[in-house]
Amino acid sequence: MRRAGLGEGPGNYVASGYSVYEEENEHLQEGLQAKVSALKSLTIDIGTEVKYQNNMLNDMDSDFDSTGGLLGATIGRVKKLSRGSQAKLLCYMLLFCCFVFFVLYWFIRLR
């Protein structure tokens, strides 16, 4: 097969430098293909991790909502106690809460 500007015969074809450029292009193409496949694998892993993190955030959001509801109900009960003449009971309850928090803090610090 004859190509324009390459001369005739296999000797002129190699001597023209065309095959050297072709080999270099194939080598660069293989390197580029390896990089593209690595990037594809990385983006798939990132997508998987993002989905996992979104699920975890949704679970945390629902947990915080339920905790907020429980805490709101507890605060409502404390307010109801404070309205009555049970100030002594409220004082004991607050002291107990402080004691529990102190024990938890002390326990965490010893770990």
Protein backbone atom coordinates (compact mmCIF):
# COMPACT_ATOMS: atom_id res chain seq x y z
CA MET A 1 0.00 0.00 0.00
CA ARG A 2 1.31 3.41 -0.87
CA ARG A 3 1.05 6.44 1.37
CA ALA A 4 1.58 9.97 0.21
CA GLY A 5 5.04 11.29 0.96
CA LEU A 6 6.39 8.08 2.40
CA GLY A 7 8.09 6.66 -0.63
CA GLU A 8 7.81 3.12 -1.89
CA GLY A 9 8.68 -0.12 -0.18
CA PRO A 10 9.14 -1.14 3.43
CA GLY A 11 12.63 0.34 3.75
CA ASN A 12 11.45 3.87 3.04
CA TYR A 13 8.45 3.43 5.33
CA VAL A 14 10.60 2.71 8.41
CA ALA A 15 13.21 5.24 7.45
CA SER A 16 10.59 7.99 7.33
CA GLY A 17 10.11 7.87 11.10
CA TYR A 18 6.39 7.24 10.80
CA SER A 19 6.54 3.96 12.69
CA VAL A 20 8.50 5.59 15.52
CA TYR A 21 5.78 8.17 15.94
CA GLU A 22 3.12 5.49 15.71
CA GLU A 23 4.79 3.44 18.44
CA GLU A 24 5.17 6.50 20.64
CA ASN A 25 1.51 7.37 20.15
CA GLU A 26 0.46 3.83 21.03
CA HIS A 27 2.63 3.91 24.15
CA LEU A 28 1.17 7.26 25.20
CA GLN A 29 -2.33 5.99 24.41
CA GLU A 30 -1.82 2.98 26.69
CA GLY A 31 -0.58 5.25 29.48
CA LEU A 32 -3.57 7.53 29.04
CA GLN A 33 -5.93 4.57 29.03
CA ALA A 34 -4.45 3.32 32.31
CA LYS A 35 -4.87 6.78 33.87
CA VAL A 36 -8.47 7.02 32.66
CA SER A 37 -9.33 3.60 34.09
CA ALA A 38 -7.71 4.58 37.42
CA LEU A 39 -9.76 7.80 37.47
CA LYS A 40 -12.92 5.85 36.64
CA SER A 41 -12.30 3.45 39.50
CA LEU A 42 -11.56 6.35 41.84
CA THR A 43 -14.77 8.19 40.91
CA ILE A 44 -16.81 5.02 41.43
CA ASP A 45 -15.25 4.60 44.88
CA ILE A 46 -15.95 8.25 45.69
CA GLY A 47 -19.58 7.83 44.60
CA THR A 48 -19.96 4.76 46.81
CA GLU A 49 -18.44 6.60 49.77
CA VAL A 50 -20.71 9.62 49.22
CA LYS A 51 -23.79 7.39 49.22
CA TYR A 52 -22.63 5.71 52.43
CA GLN A 53 -21.93 9.07 54.09
CA ASN A 54 -25.35 10.42 53.02
CA ASN A 55 -27.07 7.38 54.56
CA MET A 56 -25.09 7.87 57.75
CA LEU A 57 -26.03 11.57 57.88
CA ASN A 58 -29.70 10.73 57.35
CA ASP A 59 -29.54 8.22 60.20
CA MET A 60 -27.84 10.78 62.45
CA ASP A 61 -30.47 13.37 61.54
CA SER A 62 -33.30 11.06 62.54
CA ASP A 63 -31.46 10.13 65.77
CA PHE A 64 -30.97 13.80 66.63
CA ASP A 65 -34.63 14.51 65.91
CA SER A 66 -35.75 11.75 68.27
CA THR A 67 -33.27 12.91 70.92
CA GLY A 68 -34.49 16.49 70.54
CA GLY A 69 -38.06 15.33 71.06
CA LEU A 70 -37.11 13.40 74.17
CA LEU A 71 -35.12 16.33 75.54
CA GLY A 72 -37.98 18.72 74.81
CA ALA A 73 -40.39 16.48 76.71
CA THR A 74 -37.98 16.31 79.64
CA ILE A 75 -37.58 20.09 79.73
CA GLY A 76 -41.38 20.39 79.67
CA ARG A 77 -41.60 18.18 82.74
CA VAL A 78 -38.94 20.21 84.51
CA LYS A 79 -40.86 23.41 83.76
CA LYS A 80 -44.03 21.83 85.09
CA LEU A 81 -42.19 20.92 88.30
CA SER A 82 -40.79 24.42 88.65
CA ARG A 83 -44.25 25.99 88.42
CA GLY A 84 -45.44 24.14 91.49
CA SER A 85 -44.34 24.52 95.07
CA GLN A 86 -41.90 21.68 94.72
CA ALA A 87 -38.78 23.82 94.71
CA LYS A 88 -36.99 21.47 97.07
CA LEU A 89 -37.64 18.51 94.77
CA LEU A 90 -36.41 20.53 91.78
CA CYS A 91 -33.23 21.44 93.66
CA TYR A 92 -32.57 17.76 94.46
CA MET A 93 -33.20 16.80 90.86
CA LEU A 94 -30.76 19.43 89.55
CA LEU A 95 -28.13 18.34 92.07
CA PHE A 96 -28.61 14.73 90.98
CA CYS A 97 -28.18 15.74 87.32
CA CYS A 98 -24.99 17.63 88.16
CA PHE A 99 -23.72 14.58 90.06
CA VAL A 100 -24.44 12.27 87.12
CA PHE A 101 -22.69 14.61 84.68
CA PHE A 102 -19.70 14.86 87.03
CA VAL A 103 -19.46 11.06 87.31
CA LEU A 104 -19.71 10.67 83.54
CA TYR A 105 -17.05 13.34 83.02
CA TRP A 106 -14.79 11.67 85.55
CA PHE A 107 -15.35 8.27 83.93
CA ILE A 108 -14.54 9.61 80.47
CA ARG A 109 -11.38 11.36 81.68
CA LEU A 110 -10.06 8.13 83.23
CA ARG A 111 -10.25 6.23 79.97
